[in-house]
């Protein structure tokens, strides 16, 4: 499956499934990485009580 700009990283998956399996230190590191990815224009914050992020065209161009 090819990534497309606007594809979502759902908060339920990211926070309930993925982050739940990380240590507190790993969770903090992942939050820092997410913030850097937003700053670099690779993902965009979409919203939600459990944050949802969307891929940007910039990251799609890098990945594909």
N, C-alpha and C. Protein backbone atom coordinates (compact mmCIF):
# COMPACT_ATOMS: atom_id res chain seq x y z
N UNK A 1 0.84 -1.17 0.00
CA UNK A 1 0.00 0.00 0.00
C UNK A 1 0.88 1.24 0.00
N UNK A 2 0.58 2.18 -0.85
CA UNK A 2 1.35 3.42 -0.94
C UNK A 2 0.80 4.46 0.03
N UNK A 3 1.70 5.19 0.63
CA UNK A 3 1.30 6.30 1.49
C UNK A 3 0.83 7.46 0.63
N UNK A 4 -0.15 8.20 1.14
CA UNK A 4 -0.66 9.38 0.44
C UNK A 4 -0.76 10.52 1.44
N UNK A 5 -0.54 11.72 0.96
CA UNK A 5 -0.72 12.89 1.80
C UNK A 5 -2.14 12.87 2.35
N UNK A 6 -2.27 13.14 3.61
CA UNK A 6 -3.58 13.13 4.27
C UNK A 6 -3.91 11.82 4.95
N UNK A 7 -3.15 10.75 4.66
CA UNK A 7 -3.37 9.49 5.38
C UNK A 7 -3.16 9.75 6.86
N UNK A 8 -3.99 9.12 7.69
CA UNK A 8 -3.98 9.40 9.12
C UNK A 8 -3.21 8.36 9.93
N UNK A 9 -2.61 8.86 11.00
CA UNK A 9 -2.07 8.02 12.07
C UNK A 9 -3.05 8.20 13.22
N UNK A 10 -4.04 7.31 13.35
CA UNK A 10 -5.10 7.50 14.34
C UNK A 10 -4.58 7.50 15.78
N UNK A 11 -5.11 8.41 16.57
CA UNK A 11 -4.73 8.51 17.97
C UNK A 11 -5.01 7.25 18.76
N UNK A 12 -6.10 6.57 18.43
CA UNK A 12 -6.42 5.34 19.16
C UNK A 12 -5.34 4.30 18.95
N UNK A 13 -4.85 4.18 17.73
CA UNK A 13 -3.77 3.22 17.48
C UNK A 13 -2.48 3.69 18.14
N UNK A 14 -2.13 4.95 17.92
CA UNK A 14 -0.86 5.47 18.42
C UNK A 14 -0.79 5.43 19.94
N UNK A 15 -1.85 5.87 20.61
CA UNK A 15 -1.81 5.98 22.06
C UNK A 15 -2.30 4.74 22.79
N UNK A 16 -3.33 4.07 22.29
CA UNK A 16 -3.87 2.90 22.98
C UNK A 16 -3.08 1.64 22.69
N UNK A 17 -2.70 1.45 21.44
CA UNK A 17 -2.04 0.21 21.05
C UNK A 17 -0.52 0.32 21.09
N UNK A 18 0.03 1.32 20.47
CA UNK A 18 1.48 1.42 20.32
C UNK A 18 2.15 1.95 21.59
N UNK A 19 1.76 3.13 22.03
CA UNK A 19 2.44 3.75 23.18
C UNK A 19 2.21 2.98 24.48
N UNK A 20 1.11 2.27 24.56
CA UNK A 20 0.82 1.50 25.76
C UNK A 20 1.89 0.44 26.03
N UNK A 21 2.61 0.05 25.00
CA UNK A 21 3.65 -0.96 25.13
C UNK A 21 5.05 -0.38 25.35
N UNK A 22 5.14 0.94 25.49
CA UNK A 22 6.44 1.59 25.67
C UNK A 22 6.64 1.97 27.13
N UNK A 23 7.88 2.05 27.53
CA UNK A 23 8.20 2.54 28.88
C UNK A 23 7.95 4.04 28.92
N UNK A 24 7.93 4.61 30.11
CA UNK A 24 7.71 6.05 30.25
C UNK A 24 8.78 6.84 29.50
N UNK A 25 10.02 6.39 29.56
CA UNK A 25 11.11 7.08 28.85
C UNK A 25 10.91 6.99 27.34
N UNK A 26 10.50 5.82 26.86
CA UNK A 26 10.26 5.65 25.43
C UNK A 26 9.08 6.50 24.96
N UNK A 27 8.05 6.61 25.79
CA UNK A 27 6.90 7.44 25.45
C UNK A 27 7.32 8.90 25.32
N UNK A 28 8.14 9.38 26.24
CA UNK A 28 8.63 10.75 26.19
C UNK A 28 9.46 10.97 24.92
N UNK A 29 10.30 10.02 24.59
CA UNK A 29 11.12 10.12 23.38
C UNK A 29 10.23 10.16 22.14
N UNK A 30 9.21 9.33 22.09
CA UNK A 30 8.30 9.32 20.94
C UNK A 30 7.57 10.66 20.82
N UNK A 31 7.14 11.22 21.93
CA UNK A 31 6.47 12.54 21.90
C UNK A 31 7.42 13.60 21.33
N UNK A 32 8.69 13.54 21.71
CA UNK A 32 9.68 14.48 21.18
C UNK A 32 9.86 14.29 19.67
N UNK A 33 9.88 13.04 19.24
CA UNK A 33 10.02 12.73 17.81
C UNK A 33 8.81 13.25 17.04
N UNK A 34 7.61 13.04 17.58
CA UNK A 34 6.39 13.52 16.93
C UNK A 34 6.45 15.04 16.78
N UNK A 35 6.86 15.73 17.84
CA UNK A 35 6.96 17.19 17.79
C UNK A 35 7.97 17.64 16.74
N UNK A 36 9.09 16.94 16.62
CA UNK A 36 10.09 17.26 15.59
C UNK A 36 9.54 17.03 14.19
N UNK A 37 8.78 15.93 14.03
CA UNK A 37 8.19 15.64 12.73
C UNK A 37 7.18 16.71 12.32
N UNK A 38 6.43 17.22 13.28
CA UNK A 38 5.50 18.32 13.00
C UNK A 38 6.28 19.56 12.61
N UNK A 39 7.31 19.88 13.39
CA UNK A 39 8.14 21.06 13.13
C UNK A 39 8.78 20.98 11.75
N UNK A 40 9.19 19.79 11.33
CA UNK A 40 9.84 19.59 10.04
C UNK A 40 8.85 19.45 8.88
N UNK A 41 7.55 19.48 9.19
CA UNK A 41 6.54 19.41 8.14
C UNK A 41 6.30 18.02 7.60
N UNK A 42 6.64 17.00 8.36
CA UNK A 42 6.45 15.62 7.90
C UNK A 42 5.07 15.08 8.23
N UNK A 43 4.52 15.52 9.37
CA UNK A 43 3.16 15.16 9.75
C UNK A 43 2.48 16.44 10.22
N UNK A 44 1.14 16.41 10.24
CA UNK A 44 0.37 17.55 10.69
C UNK A 44 -0.63 17.09 11.75
N UNK A 45 -0.76 17.88 12.78
CA UNK A 45 -1.75 17.60 13.83
C UNK A 45 -3.14 17.80 13.25
N UNK A 46 -4.02 16.82 13.45
CA UNK A 46 -5.38 16.89 12.94
C UNK A 46 -6.35 17.26 14.06
N UNK A 47 -6.15 16.69 15.25
CA UNK A 47 -7.02 16.97 16.38
C UNK A 47 -7.36 15.72 17.15
N UNK A 48 -8.32 15.86 18.04
CA UNK A 48 -8.79 14.73 18.82
C UNK A 48 -8.30 14.73 20.24
N UNK A 49 -9.06 14.06 21.13
CA UNK A 49 -8.65 13.95 22.52
C UNK A 49 -7.38 13.11 22.63
N UNK A 50 -7.28 12.10 21.80
CA UNK A 50 -6.03 11.37 21.61
C UNK A 50 -5.54 11.84 20.25
N UNK A 51 -4.50 12.64 20.22
CA UNK A 51 -4.10 13.30 18.98
C UNK A 51 -3.98 12.36 17.78
N UNK A 52 -4.52 12.85 16.68
CA UNK A 52 -4.43 12.18 15.39
C UNK A 52 -3.55 13.04 14.50
N UNK A 53 -2.72 12.41 13.70
CA UNK A 53 -1.80 13.12 12.82
C UNK A 53 -2.01 12.64 11.39
N UNK A 54 -1.73 13.53 10.45
CA UNK A 54 -1.84 13.19 9.03
C UNK A 54 -0.47 13.31 8.38
N UNK A 55 -0.22 12.42 7.42
CA UNK A 55 1.01 12.52 6.64
C UNK A 55 0.92 13.73 5.73
N UNK A 56 2.03 14.41 5.53
CA UNK A 56 2.07 15.53 4.60
C UNK A 56 2.65 15.06 3.27
N UNK A 57 2.51 15.89 2.26
CA UNK A 57 3.09 15.56 0.96
C UNK A 57 4.60 15.44 1.07
N UNK A 58 5.20 16.23 1.95
CA UNK A 58 6.66 16.19 2.12
C UNK A 58 7.13 14.80 2.54
N UNK A 59 6.46 14.19 3.50
CA UNK A 59 6.87 12.85 3.95
C UNK A 59 6.54 11.80 2.90
N UNK A 60 5.44 11.97 2.19
CA UNK A 60 5.10 11.03 1.12
C UNK A 60 6.18 11.05 0.05
N UNK A 61 6.64 12.25 -0.31
CA UNK A 61 7.71 12.35 -1.31
C UNK A 61 8.98 11.66 -0.84
N UNK A 62 9.26 11.71 0.45
CA UNK A 62 10.45 11.05 1.00
C UNK A 62 10.27 9.53 1.00
N UNK A 63 9.09 9.07 1.40
CA UNK A 63 8.84 7.63 1.54
C UNK A 63 8.65 6.91 0.22
N UNK A 64 8.07 7.58 -0.73
CA UNK A 64 7.70 6.88 -1.97
C UNK A 64 8.65 7.16 -3.05
